[in-house]
Amino acid sequence: MELTASAHTDTFARDHLPPVDQWPELLFELPELRYPDRLNCGAELLDGTIERYGADRTAFVLPSGERWSYGRLRAEVDSIARVLTEELGVVPGNRVLLRGPTTPQLAACWLAVLKAGAVAVTVLAQQRAQELATICEIARVGHALCDVRSVDDLAKAEVPGLAITAFGGDAPDDLLRRAAARPEPFDAVDTAADDVALIAFTSGTTGRPKGCMHFHRDVLAIADTFSQHVLRPEPDDVFAGSPPLGFTFGLGGLVVFPMRVGAAALLLEQAGPKQLLPAMAEHRVSVVFTAPTAYRAMLDAFDGHDLSALRRCVSAGENLPAATWQAWHERTGLRIINGIGATELLHIFISAADDAIRPGTTGVPVPGWQARVVDAAGQPVPDGEPGLLAVRGPVGCRYLADPRQAEYVRHGWNITGDTYVRESDGYFRYVARADDMIISAGFNIAGPEVEDALLRHPDVLEAAVVGKPDERRGQLVAAHVVLRDGVPRDEGTVQRLREFVKAELVPYKCPREIAFLDALPRTPTGKLQRFRLRTRPGNPPQERVLE
């Protein structure tokens, strides 16, 4: 496969793509996936949408009720792009870190980075200094646009050469103040459709983040497959959801999908079930994206909230139990659209909607995608037998300079790390994760990463972290710890360890249960036997559990 001539003057991203022969096979069979060679997805989502639907339509809604039109959004984006290119020295191909709560300003920065031809690296506002430093090192990030409320941890990361520009504050050099002085339109950089537009980071089972590089055409492809053919949004829809823009689930559901059809999105800085449910009622949300955990929690607090505007509910991030689907359907009359996606593939690739939904299954391949279940050698297994899920479509895994590319892409297929069964009627049913990844309340958590954080505490000799089944969250992060002699096995120690991990990692990675053991189970050769930890009986006397 030959790449189109790049618009990037900083060629780091393209230079560090895996060799083309290590890519999965890409499919562009649908007519809407045959994109032109030159394409800027930021311009297409913003300028192209305004051409089709007009500048007066609402793009974003704030909890206060304030509304940003597409015309205002374009003015903000173009002004920010001018500051990036004319004052901050950003050139096409530079990686720009984006950090902050889910706000129209953060979304505007993302679009501005794309229109400027740079590469967006959006991270979570919760991520800690060490995590941020690792991401910046891997992606060679030189610029950061950061909500003023999220600057501290980024500054503490002490990334060499990183220029941090804050927005949302009162300082004279605030990005938005500088942008207000540059109201002229900005012509988007003429990027190639296969220029890297964004790098999304995901944690592998070793805990070392993997940078997933996605092209400009990929951003549109997720809208032109799952959104167009399964979700089927309408221009008058109002989207909302719990995932932040640092997750591709949130990026698609709150920015890409609504903008592709000229719809609006309610952007919530706090979007847990307690905040999401009343906000959906107040702002007449019609499309919601969240995890099964949130649907279960919202059922418990449903009374008094008018969700009559709601028509589409999307679930991803973890397996959707049939009981949760049924309970939501009985209460609302709505059928949750289940789906499985991956950061490596940007968004959902197996799903089903409306009459095609079969509770307890994920669904069928989204139009534009193919899927099968294979054995370790890559050969298809018979229907009804478990195996590894393999998928391919218009988007594929391309890790940033990472040898794990060869693990994820095999025989031209993306191997997602999930164990699935394909039923005789073609529906795919989730069985389990094939590796040690913990999926809790829709978040992917690498056990070894949490172990590393625990081991940095001076009282910890050994640590092993596994997922424990949990009815509400899917899995809990459960840590098994061997303490140094003399350290008490009490709730005070539990509290100290949890606070330590929270200071090291995003809070959702913090163990919800900590068990103190005399020794971790190992083979005679010293290999940790994780399966024995997963099957341990709950809470013997030496354990102290903090919920």
Protein backbone atom coordinates (compact mmCIF):
# COMPACT_ATOMS: atom_id res chain seq x y z
CA MET A 1 0.00 0.00 0.00
CA GLU A 2 1.38 3.37 -1.05
CA LEU A 3 0.76 6.40 1.13
CA THR A 4 -0.37 9.75 -0.27
CA ALA A 5 2.07 12.67 -0.21
CA SER A 6 1.93 14.06 3.33
CA ALA A 7 1.21 17.65 4.31
CA HIS A 8 3.27 17.20 7.48
CA THR A 9 6.51 19.11 7.72
CA ASP A 10 7.15 17.38 11.05
CA THR A 11 7.16 13.80 9.78
CA PHE A 12 7.56 12.02 13.13
CA ALA A 13 4.10 10.38 13.06
CA ARG A 14 4.36 8.97 9.56
CA ASP A 15 7.99 7.99 10.09
CA HIS A 16 6.94 5.89 13.09
CA LEU A 17 4.00 4.08 11.54
CA PRO A 18 4.52 0.31 11.51
CA PRO A 19 5.67 -1.13 8.20
CA VAL A 20 2.74 -1.44 5.80
CA ASP A 21 3.12 -5.23 5.70
CA GLN A 22 2.27 -5.24 9.44
CA TRP A 23 -1.01 -3.38 8.94
CA PRO A 24 -4.31 -5.24 8.88
CA GLU A 25 -6.15 -5.48 5.60
CA LEU A 26 -8.32 -2.38 5.17
CA LEU A 27 -11.80 -2.48 3.64
CA PHE A 28 -13.42 0.37 1.72
CA GLU A 29 -16.27 -1.48 0.05
CA LEU A 30 -19.03 0.96 1.05
CA PRO A 31 -19.29 3.89 -1.40
CA GLU A 32 -19.24 6.40 1.49
CA LEU A 33 -15.81 5.11 2.56
CA ARG A 34 -14.09 6.02 -0.71
CA TYR A 35 -12.61 9.28 0.46
CA PRO A 36 -10.54 11.66 -1.68
CA ASP A 37 -6.75 11.57 -1.34
CA ARG A 38 -6.71 15.05 0.25
CA LEU A 39 -8.90 15.36 3.31
CA ASN A 40 -8.88 17.32 6.57
CA CYS A 41 -11.39 15.80 8.96
CA GLY A 42 -11.53 18.92 11.11
CA ALA A 43 -12.58 20.99 8.12
CA GLU A 44 -15.03 18.33 6.98
CA LEU A 45 -16.71 18.05 10.39
CA LEU A 46 -16.95 21.82 10.81
CA ASP A 47 -16.86 23.68 7.50
CA GLY A 48 -18.41 20.81 5.56
CA THR A 49 -21.24 20.48 8.05
CA ILE A 50 -21.92 24.23 7.93
CA GLU A 51 -22.11 24.04 4.13
CA ARG A 52 -24.71 21.26 4.38
CA TYR A 53 -26.77 22.42 7.37
CA GLY A 54 -25.99 26.11 7.96
CA ALA A 55 -24.07 28.03 10.62
CA ASP A 56 -27.03 28.76 12.90
CA ARG A 57 -27.63 25.22 14.10
CA THR A 58 -26.62 24.39 17.67
CA ALA A 59 -23.35 22.48 17.96
CA PHE A 60 -22.81 22.36 21.73
CA VAL A 61 -25.04 22.88 24.75
CA LEU A 62 -23.64 23.71 28.19
CA PRO A 63 -25.26 22.64 31.48
CA SER A 64 -26.16 26.30 32.05
CA GLY A 65 -28.25 26.26 28.91
CA GLU A 66 -25.76 28.36 26.93
CA ARG A 67 -25.53 27.25 23.31
CA TRP A 68 -22.73 27.39 20.80
CA SER A 69 -23.84 27.53 17.18
CA TYR A 70 -21.77 25.90 14.47
CA GLY A 71 -20.91 29.42 13.31
CA ARG A 72 -19.58 30.41 16.74
CA LEU A 73 -17.68 27.13 16.98
CA ARG A 74 -15.99 27.75 13.64
CA ALA A 75 -15.02 31.27 14.70
CA GLU A 76 -13.47 29.91 17.92
CA VAL A 77 -11.70 27.06 16.12
CA ASP A 78 -10.26 29.28 13.40
CA SER A 79 -9.01 31.83 15.94
CA ILE A 80 -7.32 29.10 18.00
CA ALA A 81 -5.78 27.64 14.84
CA ARG A 82 -4.32 31.06 14.05
CA VAL A 83 -2.74 31.31 17.50
CA LEU A 84 -1.33 27.80 17.11
CA THR A 85 0.27 28.46 13.76
CA GLU A 86 1.13 32.17 13.93
CA GLU A 87 2.11 32.62 17.59
CA LEU A 88 2.94 29.23 19.09
CA GLY A 89 4.92 27.91 16.14
CA VAL A 90 2.88 24.74 15.59
CA VAL A 91 3.56 23.24 12.17
CA PRO A 92 1.75 20.39 10.38
CA GLY A 93 2.64 17.08 12.01
CA ASN A 94 3.52 18.47 15.46
CA ARG A 95 1.87 16.53 18.27
CA VAL A 96 -0.32 18.73 20.47
CA LEU A 97 -1.48 17.42 23.84
CA LEU A 98 -5.05 18.38 24.82
CA ARG A 99 -6.13 18.17 28.45
CA GLY A 100 -9.15 19.30 30.40
CA PRO A 101 -12.73 18.49 31.37
CA THR A 102 -15.32 17.95 28.63
CA THR A 103 -16.12 21.48 27.46
CA PRO A 104 -16.79 23.27 24.16
CA GLN A 105 -13.39 24.91 24.56
CA LEU A 106 -11.61 21.55 24.65
CA ALA A 107 -13.56 20.36 21.60
CA ALA A 108 -12.70 23.61 19.81
CA CYS A 109 -9.01 23.05 20.57
CA TRP A 110 -9.24 19.52 19.14
CA LEU A 111 -10.80 20.79 15.92
CA ALA A 112 -8.26 23.62 15.69
CA VAL A 113 -5.34 21.20 16.00
CA LEU A 114 -6.79 19.12 13.16
CA LYS A 115 -7.45 22.11 10.91
CA ALA A 116 -3.87 23.27 11.54
CA GLY A 117 -2.64 19.90 10.26
CA ALA A 118 -1.15 18.94 13.62
CA VAL A 119 -1.75 15.67 15.50
CA ALA A 120 -4.15 15.71 18.45
CA VAL A 121 -3.15 13.74 21.56
CA THR A 122 -6.13 14.05 23.90
CA VAL A 123 -5.61 12.77 27.44
CA LEU A 124 -7.77 12.60 30.54
CA ALA A 125 -8.00 15.52 32.92
CA GLN A 126 -7.50 12.99 35.74
CA GLN A 127 -4.23 11.49 34.54
CA ARG A 128 -1.26 12.02 36.82
CA ALA A 129 2.16 13.45 36.12
CA GLN A 130 3.93 10.13 35.56
CA GLU A 131 1.31 8.93 33.08
CA LEU A 132 1.44 12.24 31.22
CA ALA A 133 5.23 12.18 31.08
CA THR A 134 5.18 8.71 29.52
CA ILE A 135 2.64 9.71 26.88
CA CYS A 136 4.62 12.84 26.00
CA GLU A 137 7.81 10.81 25.74
CA ILE A 138 6.29 8.19 23.43
CA ALA A 139 4.57 10.71 21.15
CA ARG A 140 7.36 13.33 21.32
CA VAL A 141 4.84 15.99 22.29
CA GLY A 142 6.13 19.56 22.07
CA HIS A 143 2.96 21.60 22.63
CA ALA A 144 0.04 21.31 25.06
CA LEU A 145 -3.28 23.14 25.24
CA CYS A 146 -4.58 22.68 28.76
CA ASP A 147 -7.62 23.84 30.71
CA VAL A 148 -6.29 26.14 33.43
CA ARG A 149 -7.84 23.83 36.04
CA SER A 150 -5.79 20.87 34.77
CA VAL A 151 -2.37 22.47 34.39
CA ASP A 152 -0.77 21.43 37.69
CA ASP A 153 -0.19 17.72 37.01
CA LEU A 154 0.97 18.47 33.49
CA ALA A 155 3.51 20.97 34.83
CA LYS A 156 4.64 18.43 37.43
CA ALA A 157 5.38 15.96 34.63
CA GLU A 158 8.37 18.17 33.74
CA VAL A 159 8.35 17.13 30.10
CA PRO A 160 11.52 18.48 28.45
CA GLY A 161 10.74 21.18 25.93
CA LEU A 162 6.96 21.04 26.42
CA ALA A 163 5.28 24.41 25.81
CA ILE A 164 2.06 24.56 27.84
CA THR A 165 -0.61 27.08 26.85
CA ALA A 166 -3.52 27.34 29.27
CA PHE A 167 -7.09 28.24 28.39
CA GLY A 168 -10.10 29.29 30.43
CA GLY A 169 -8.29 31.60 32.85
CA ASP A 170 -7.78 35.30 33.39
CA ALA A 171 -4.11 35.55 32.45
CA PRO A 172 -3.21 37.94 29.62
CA ASP A 173 -1.56 35.11 27.67
CA ASP A 174 -4.57 32.77 28.01
CA LEU A 175 -5.15 30.92 24.73
CA LEU A 176 -8.75 32.09 24.37
CA ARG A 177 -7.83 35.73 25.04
CA ARG A 178 -5.13 35.53 22.41
CA ALA A 179 -7.54 33.84 20.01
CA ALA A 180 -10.13 36.60 20.49
CA ALA A 181 -7.61 39.03 19.00
CA ARG A 182 -7.38 36.92 15.82
CA PRO A 183 -10.92 36.70 14.43
CA GLU A 184 -9.97 36.02 10.82
CA PRO A 185 -11.04 32.77 9.12
CA PHE A 186 -8.43 30.00 8.89
CA ASP A 187 -7.97 27.84 5.81
CA ALA A 188 -7.45 24.24 6.89
CA VAL A 189 -4.15 22.62 6.00
CA ASP A 190 -4.52 20.40 2.93
CA THR A 191 -3.71 17.18 4.70
CA ALA A 192 -3.69 13.78 3.08
CA ALA A 193 -6.54 11.43 3.96
CA ASP A 194 -3.87 9.11 5.35
CA ASP A 195 -1.98 11.75 7.33
CA VAL A 196 -2.09 10.97 11.05
CA ALA A 197 -4.79 13.13 12.69
CA LEU A 198 -4.71 11.81 16.24
CA ILE A 199 -2.86 9.49 18.57
CA ALA A 200 -5.09 7.80 21.15
CA PHE A 201 -3.37 6.06 24.02
CA THR A 202 -4.47 2.80 25.57
CA SER A 203 -2.82 0.70 28.27
CA GLY A 204 -1.57 -2.74 27.36
CA THR A 205 -1.26 -5.66 29.72
CA THR A 206 2.29 -4.61 30.53
CA GLY A 207 1.02 -1.22 31.63
CA ARG A 208 3.14 0.61 29.02
CA PRO A 209 0.74 2.84 27.08
CA LYS A 210 0.33 2.14 23.38
CA GLY A 211 -0.20 5.02 20.98
CA CYS A 212 -2.83 4.22 18.36
CA MET A 213 -2.35 6.36 15.26
CA HIS A 214 -5.47 7.23 13.28
CA PHE A 215 -5.75 9.04 9.97
CA HIS A 216 -8.03 11.88 8.92
CA ARG A 217 -10.16 9.43 6.94
CA ASP A 218 -10.48 7.16 10.00
CA VAL A 219 -12.26 9.90 11.95
CA LEU A 220 -14.92 10.12 9.26
CA ALA A 221 -15.07 6.36 8.75
CA ILE A 222 -16.38 5.68 12.26
CA ALA A 223 -19.20 8.15 11.59
CA ASP A 224 -19.90 6.69 8.15
CA THR A 225 -20.11 3.10 9.45
CA PHE A 226 -21.43 2.65 13.00
CA SER A 227 -23.09 6.04 13.35
CA GLN A 228 -24.65 6.19 9.89
CA HIS A 229 -25.76 2.58 9.60
CA VAL A 230 -26.49 1.48 13.18
CA LEU A 231 -27.07 4.56 15.34
CA ARG A 232 -28.71 6.56 12.52
CA PRO A 233 -28.72 10.00 14.18
CA GLU A 234 -30.82 12.91 12.96
CA PRO A 235 -29.92 16.61 12.67
CA ASP A 236 -32.30 17.55 15.50
CA ASP A 237 -30.78 15.07 17.97
CA VAL A 238 -29.13 16.17 21.19
CA PHE A 239 -26.28 13.85 22.21
CA ALA A 240 -24.91 13.35 25.72
CA GLY A 241 -22.80 10.77 27.53
CA SER A 242 -20.39 9.91 30.28
CA PRO A 243 -17.10 9.15 28.45
CA PRO A 244 -14.66 12.09 28.26
CA LEU A 245 -13.07 13.23 25.02
CA GLY A 246 -9.83 11.53 26.05
CA PHE A 247 -11.57 8.23 25.28
CA THR A 248 -12.40 7.52 21.65
CA PHE A 249 -15.85 6.30 22.81
CA GLY A 250 -16.55 9.83 24.02
CA LEU A 251 -14.83 11.54 21.10
CA GLY A 252 -17.10 9.72 18.66
CA GLY A 253 -20.29 10.00 20.68
CA LEU A 254 -19.95 13.65 21.71
CA VAL A 255 -18.10 15.29 18.81
CA VAL A 256 -17.67 13.24 15.63
CA PHE A 257 -21.09 11.62 15.34
CA PRO A 258 -23.26 14.66 16.13
CA MET A 259 -21.13 17.00 14.02
CA ARG A 260 -21.24 14.66 11.04
CA VAL A 261 -25.02 15.17 10.82
CA GLY A 262 -25.33 18.73 12.10
CA ALA A 263 -26.71 17.67 15.48
CA ALA A 264 -25.96 19.06 18.95
CA ALA A 265 -24.11 17.64 21.96
CA LEU A 266 -24.61 18.44 25.63
CA LEU A 267 -21.10 18.59 27.10
CA LEU A 268 -20.92 17.76 30.81
CA GLU A 269 -17.80 18.21 32.90
CA GLN A 270 -19.25 15.82 35.49
CA ALA A 271 -21.15 13.00 33.80
CA GLY A 272 -21.62 10.25 36.36
CA PRO A 273 -25.09 8.69 36.60
CA LYS A 274 -26.15 11.20 39.28
CA GLN A 275 -25.34 14.11 36.98
CA LEU A 276 -26.20 12.49 33.66
CA LEU A 277 -29.79 11.50 34.45
CA PRO A 278 -31.11 14.96 35.46
CA ALA A 279 -29.11 16.63 32.67
CA MET A 280 -30.69 14.32 30.10
CA ALA A 281 -34.13 15.28 31.37
CA GLU A 282 -33.44 19.02 31.59
CA HIS A 283 -31.88 19.35 28.13
CA ARG A 284 -34.14 16.89 26.30
CA VAL A 285 -31.32 14.56 25.32
CA SER A 286 -32.27 12.13 22.56
CA VAL A 287 -29.04 10.10 22.17
CA VAL A 288 -26.92 8.91 25.10
CA PHE A 289 -23.56 7.09 25.23
CA THR A 290 -22.53 5.41 28.46
CA ALA A 291 -21.48 2.09 30.02
CA PRO A 292 -23.70 -0.69 31.43
CA THR A 293 -22.75 0.39 34.94
CA ALA A 294 -24.36 3.78 34.37
CA TYR A 295 -27.53 2.30 32.93
CA ARG A 296 -27.89 0.13 36.04
CA ALA A 297 -27.23 3.09 38.33
CA MET A 298 -29.70 5.33 36.49
CA LEU A 299 -32.45 2.74 36.89
CA ASP A 300 -32.12 3.10 40.65
CA ALA A 301 -32.70 6.88 40.43
CA PHE A 302 -35.11 7.05 37.52
CA ASP A 303 -38.18 8.41 39.32
CA GLY A 304 -38.99 12.06 38.71
CA HIS A 305 -36.91 12.44 35.54
CA ASP A 306 -38.63 12.99 32.21
CA LEU A 307 -36.69 11.10 29.54
CA SER A 308 -39.43 11.24 26.94
CA ALA A 309 -37.05 12.83 24.40
CA LEU A 310 -34.62 9.90 24.62
CA ARG A 311 -34.69 7.61 21.60
CA ARG A 312 -31.21 6.05 21.23
CA CYS A 313 -29.09 4.50 24.00
CA VAL A 314 -25.60 3.19 23.23
CA SER A 315 -23.59 0.93 25.52
CA ALA A 316 -19.93 0.03 25.15
CA GLY A 317 -16.77 -0.21 27.22
CA GLU A 318 -17.75 -3.48 28.88
CA ASN A 319 -20.10 -6.37 28.26
CA LEU A 320 -23.80 -5.49 28.54
CA PRO A 321 -25.59 -8.17 30.61
CA ALA A 322 -28.95 -9.29 29.25
CA ALA A 323 -30.54 -8.54 32.64
CA THR A 324 -29.45 -4.90 32.44
CA TRP A 325 -30.75 -4.62 28.88
CA GLN A 326 -34.08 -6.11 29.90
CA ALA A 327 -34.47 -3.93 33.00
CA TRP A 328 -33.80 -0.77 30.99
CA HIS A 329 -36.21 -1.86 28.28
CA GLU A 330 -38.96 -2.60 30.79
CA ARG A 331 -38.51 0.76 32.48
CA THR A 332 -38.09 2.98 29.41
CA GLY A 333 -39.37 1.02 26.45
CA LEU A 334 -36.00 1.69 24.78
CA ARG A 335 -33.64 -0.93 23.43
CA ILE A 336 -30.00 -0.34 24.35
CA ILE A 337 -27.69 -0.55 21.33
CA ASN A 338 -24.85 -2.75 22.57
CA GLY A 339 -21.46 -2.56 20.90
CA ILE A 340 -17.80 -3.45 21.14
CA GLY A 341 -15.08 -1.07 20.06
CA ALA A 342 -11.37 -0.61 20.68
CA THR A 343 -9.00 2.33 20.84
CA GLU A 344 -6.96 0.53 18.18
CA LEU A 345 -9.97 0.65 15.85
CA LEU A 346 -11.25 4.02 17.09
CA HIS A 347 -14.87 3.06 17.79
CA ILE A 348 -17.59 0.38 17.58
CA PHE A 349 -17.33 -2.37 14.96
CA ILE A 350 -19.85 -4.99 16.15
CA SER A 351 -23.34 -3.90 17.15
CA ALA A 352 -27.05 -4.12 16.40
CA ALA A 353 -30.03 -1.80 16.75
CA ASP A 354 -33.80 -1.92 16.91
CA ASP A 355 -35.39 -5.23 15.86
CA ALA A 356 -31.96 -6.70 15.12
CA ILE A 357 -30.95 -6.58 18.79
CA ARG A 358 -30.56 -9.91 20.59
CA PRO A 359 -30.06 -9.30 24.34
CA GLY A 360 -27.03 -11.16 25.67
CA THR A 361 -25.11 -10.78 22.41
CA THR A 362 -23.01 -7.89 21.12
CA GLY A 363 -24.52 -8.04 17.66
CA VAL A 364 -23.20 -8.48 14.13
CA PRO A 365 -20.41 -6.72 12.21
CA VAL A 366 -21.24 -3.10 11.51
CA PRO A 367 -21.64 -2.40 7.76
CA GLY A 368 -18.16 -1.77 6.40
CA TRP A 369 -16.61 -4.25 8.87
CA GLN A 370 -15.98 -7.99 8.93
CA ALA A 371 -15.51 -10.23 11.97
CA ARG A 372 -14.76 -13.85 12.75
CA VAL A 373 -13.68 -16.03 15.65
CA VAL A 374 -10.29 -17.72 15.26
CA ASP A 375 -7.91 -20.01 17.10
CA ALA A 376 -4.36 -19.16 18.13
CA ALA A 377 -3.14 -19.95 14.60
CA GLY A 378 -5.63 -17.53 13.06
CA GLN A 379 -7.91 -20.22 11.65
CA PRO A 380 -11.69 -19.77 12.00
CA VAL A 381 -13.30 -21.97 14.67
CA PRO A 382 -16.75 -23.54 14.20
CA ASP A 383 -19.81 -21.57 15.23
CA GLY A 384 -20.63 -22.11 18.89
CA GLU A 385 -17.00 -22.60 19.94
CA PRO A 386 -15.03 -19.88 21.77
CA GLY A 387 -12.01 -18.28 20.22
CA LEU A 388 -10.29 -14.96 19.62
CA LEU A 389 -12.27 -12.14 18.05
CA ALA A 390 -10.72 -10.99 14.76
CA VAL A 391 -12.01 -7.94 12.88
CA ARG A 392 -11.13 -5.77 9.92
CA GLY A 393 -12.65 -2.74 8.26
CA PRO A 394 -11.80 0.79 7.10
CA VAL A 395 -9.80 1.51 10.28
CA GLY A 396 -6.97 -0.66 11.55
CA CYS A 397 -4.44 -0.90 14.34
CA ARG A 398 -1.27 1.10 13.74
CA TYR A 399 0.75 1.40 16.93
CA LEU A 400 3.30 4.17 17.30
CA ALA A 401 6.72 2.48 17.16
CA ASP A 402 5.57 -0.47 19.28
CA PRO A 403 6.57 -4.12 18.77
CA ARG A 404 3.14 -5.16 20.08
CA GLN A 405 1.84 -4.37 16.58
CA ALA A 406 2.69 -7.97 15.66
CA GLU A 407 0.53 -9.25 18.53
CA TYR A 408 -2.53 -7.20 17.64
CA VAL A 409 -2.42 -7.66 13.86
CA ARG A 410 -2.13 -11.24 12.63
CA HIS A 411 -2.81 -12.61 9.17
CA GLY A 412 -4.32 -9.28 8.11
CA TRP A 413 -6.84 -9.16 10.96
CA ASN A 414 -7.03 -7.13 14.16
CA ILE A 415 -7.02 -9.50 17.15
CA THR A 416 -8.79 -7.52 19.85
CA GLY A 417 -7.84 -9.66 22.87
CA ASP A 418 -11.47 -10.68 23.51
CA THR A 419 -12.78 -14.21 23.61
CA TYR A 420 -16.02 -14.53 21.63
CA VAL A 421 -18.42 -17.11 20.27
CA ARG A 422 -20.07 -16.71 16.89
CA GLU A 423 -23.54 -18.20 17.04
CA SER A 424 -24.98 -20.14 14.10
CA ASP A 425 -27.18 -17.15 13.18
CA GLY A 426 -24.12 -14.89 12.80
CA TYR A 427 -24.44 -13.04 16.11
CA PHE A 428 -21.32 -12.54 18.23
CA ARG A 429 -21.46 -13.28 21.95
CA TYR A 430 -18.83 -12.00 24.39
CA VAL A 431 -17.15 -14.57 26.67
CA ALA A 432 -14.24 -12.84 28.42
CA ARG A 433 -11.05 -10.89 27.96
CA ALA A 434 -8.27 -13.02 26.62
CA ASP A 435 -5.58 -11.24 28.62
CA ASP A 436 -5.18 -9.67 32.03
CA MET A 437 -6.99 -6.44 31.23
CA ILE A 438 -9.58 -5.46 33.81
CA ILE A 439 -12.74 -3.79 32.49
CA SER A 440 -14.46 -1.92 35.31
CA ALA A 441 -17.45 0.36 34.69
CA GLY A 442 -16.37 0.75 31.07
CA PHE A 443 -12.74 1.61 31.84
CA ASN A 444 -9.84 -0.54 30.62
CA ILE A 445 -7.33 -1.03 33.43
CA ALA A 446 -4.04 -2.89 33.10
CA GLY A 447 -3.37 -4.87 36.27
CA PRO A 448 0.43 -4.62 35.97
CA GLU A 449 0.23 -0.83 35.82
CA VAL A 450 -1.60 -0.77 39.16
CA GLU A 451 0.90 -3.27 40.55
CA ASP A 452 3.76 -1.00 39.58
CA ALA A 453 2.14 1.89 41.41
CA LEU A 454 1.61 -0.20 44.57
CA LEU A 455 5.19 -1.42 44.46
CA ARG A 456 6.41 2.15 44.56
CA HIS A 457 5.00 2.41 48.11
CA PRO A 458 7.73 1.68 50.69
CA ASP A 459 5.46 -0.65 52.73
CA VAL A 460 4.76 -3.02 49.81
CA LEU A 461 6.98 -6.01 49.03
CA GLU A 462 4.85 -7.69 46.38
CA ALA A 463 1.60 -6.90 44.61
CA ALA A 464 -0.69 -8.63 42.14
CA VAL A 465 -3.83 -7.05 40.70
CA VAL A 466 -6.68 -8.93 39.03
CA GLY A 467 -10.29 -8.31 38.10
CA LYS A 468 -12.98 -9.59 40.44
CA PRO A 469 -16.50 -10.13 39.06
CA ASP A 470 -18.93 -7.47 40.23
CA GLU A 471 -22.60 -7.21 39.38
CA ARG A 472 -22.66 -3.42 39.04
CA ARG A 473 -19.27 -2.66 37.52
CA GLY A 474 -18.54 -5.82 35.57
CA GLN A 475 -15.24 -6.17 37.40
CA LEU A 476 -13.58 -4.63 40.43
CA VAL A 477 -9.88 -3.88 40.66
CA ALA A 478 -8.70 -6.25 43.38
CA ALA A 479 -5.16 -5.98 44.72
CA HIS A 480 -3.32 -8.71 46.61
CA VAL A 481 -0.44 -7.28 48.60
CA VAL A 482 2.46 -8.65 50.63
CA LEU A 483 3.55 -6.04 53.20
CA ARG A 484 6.90 -5.49 54.81
CA ASP A 485 7.35 -6.94 58.29
CA GLY A 486 5.80 -4.85 61.01
CA VAL A 487 3.31 -3.01 58.81
CA PRO A 488 -0.18 -3.51 60.26
CA ARG A 489 -2.77 -5.30 58.15
CA ASP A 490 -5.53 -2.89 58.98
CA GLU A 491 -7.82 -0.39 57.31
CA GLY A 492 -5.36 2.40 58.00
CA THR A 493 -2.84 0.70 55.74
CA VAL A 494 -5.54 0.08 53.14
CA GLN A 495 -6.40 3.75 53.15
CA ARG A 496 -2.75 4.81 52.82
CA LEU A 497 -2.20 2.47 49.88
CA ARG A 498 -5.34 3.63 48.09
CA GLU A 499 -4.44 7.29 48.54
CA PHE A 500 -0.93 6.56 47.27
CA VAL A 501 -2.26 4.88 44.11
CA LYS A 502 -4.72 7.71 43.53
CA ALA A 503 -1.79 10.12 43.55
CA GLU A 504 0.08 7.97 41.02
CA LEU A 505 -2.67 6.97 38.60
CA VAL A 506 -6.10 8.03 37.38
CA PRO A 507 -8.47 7.41 40.34
CA TYR A 508 -10.57 4.79 38.55
CA LYS A 509 -7.51 2.52 38.46
CA CYS A 510 -7.28 2.53 42.26
CA PRO A 511 -8.05 -0.88 43.83
CA ARG A 512 -11.49 -1.09 45.36
CA GLU A 513 -10.41 -4.15 47.32
CA ILE A 514 -7.04 -4.81 48.91
CA ALA A 515 -6.20 -8.20 50.38
CA PHE A 516 -3.12 -8.73 52.56
CA LEU A 517 -1.41 -12.09 51.98
CA ASP A 518 1.61 -13.81 53.48
CA ALA A 519 2.82 -14.64 49.96
CA LEU A 520 1.58 -14.51 46.39
CA PRO A 521 0.85 -17.85 44.69
CA ARG A 522 3.67 -18.79 42.34
CA THR A 523 4.87 -21.77 40.34
CA PRO A 524 8.12 -23.53 41.37
CA THR A 525 9.89 -21.38 38.77
CA GLY A 526 8.54 -18.19 40.38
CA LYS A 527 5.82 -17.34 37.86
CA LEU A 528 2.80 -15.63 39.39
CA GLN A 529 -0.38 -17.73 39.25
CA ARG A 530 -2.99 -15.08 38.60
CA PHE A 531 -5.75 -17.63 38.11
CA ARG A 532 -5.45 -18.63 41.75
CA LEU A 533 -6.01 -15.04 42.82
CA ARG A 534 -9.08 -14.75 40.61
CA THR A 535 -10.64 -17.83 42.16
CA ARG A 536 -9.78 -17.16 45.81
CA PRO A 537 -12.73 -17.31 48.23
CA GLY A 538 -13.73 -13.83 49.35
CA ASN A 539 -12.48 -11.95 52.35
CA PRO A 540 -10.69 -14.26 54.81
CA PRO A 541 -9.86 -12.68 58.18
CA GLN A 542 -6.50 -11.23 57.12
CA GLU A 543 -8.13 -9.16 54.36
CA ARG A 544 -9.29 -5.61 54.81
CA VAL A 545 -11.70 -4.36 52.18
CA LEU A 546 -12.55 -0.74 51.52
CA GLU A 547 -15.44 -0.04 49.12
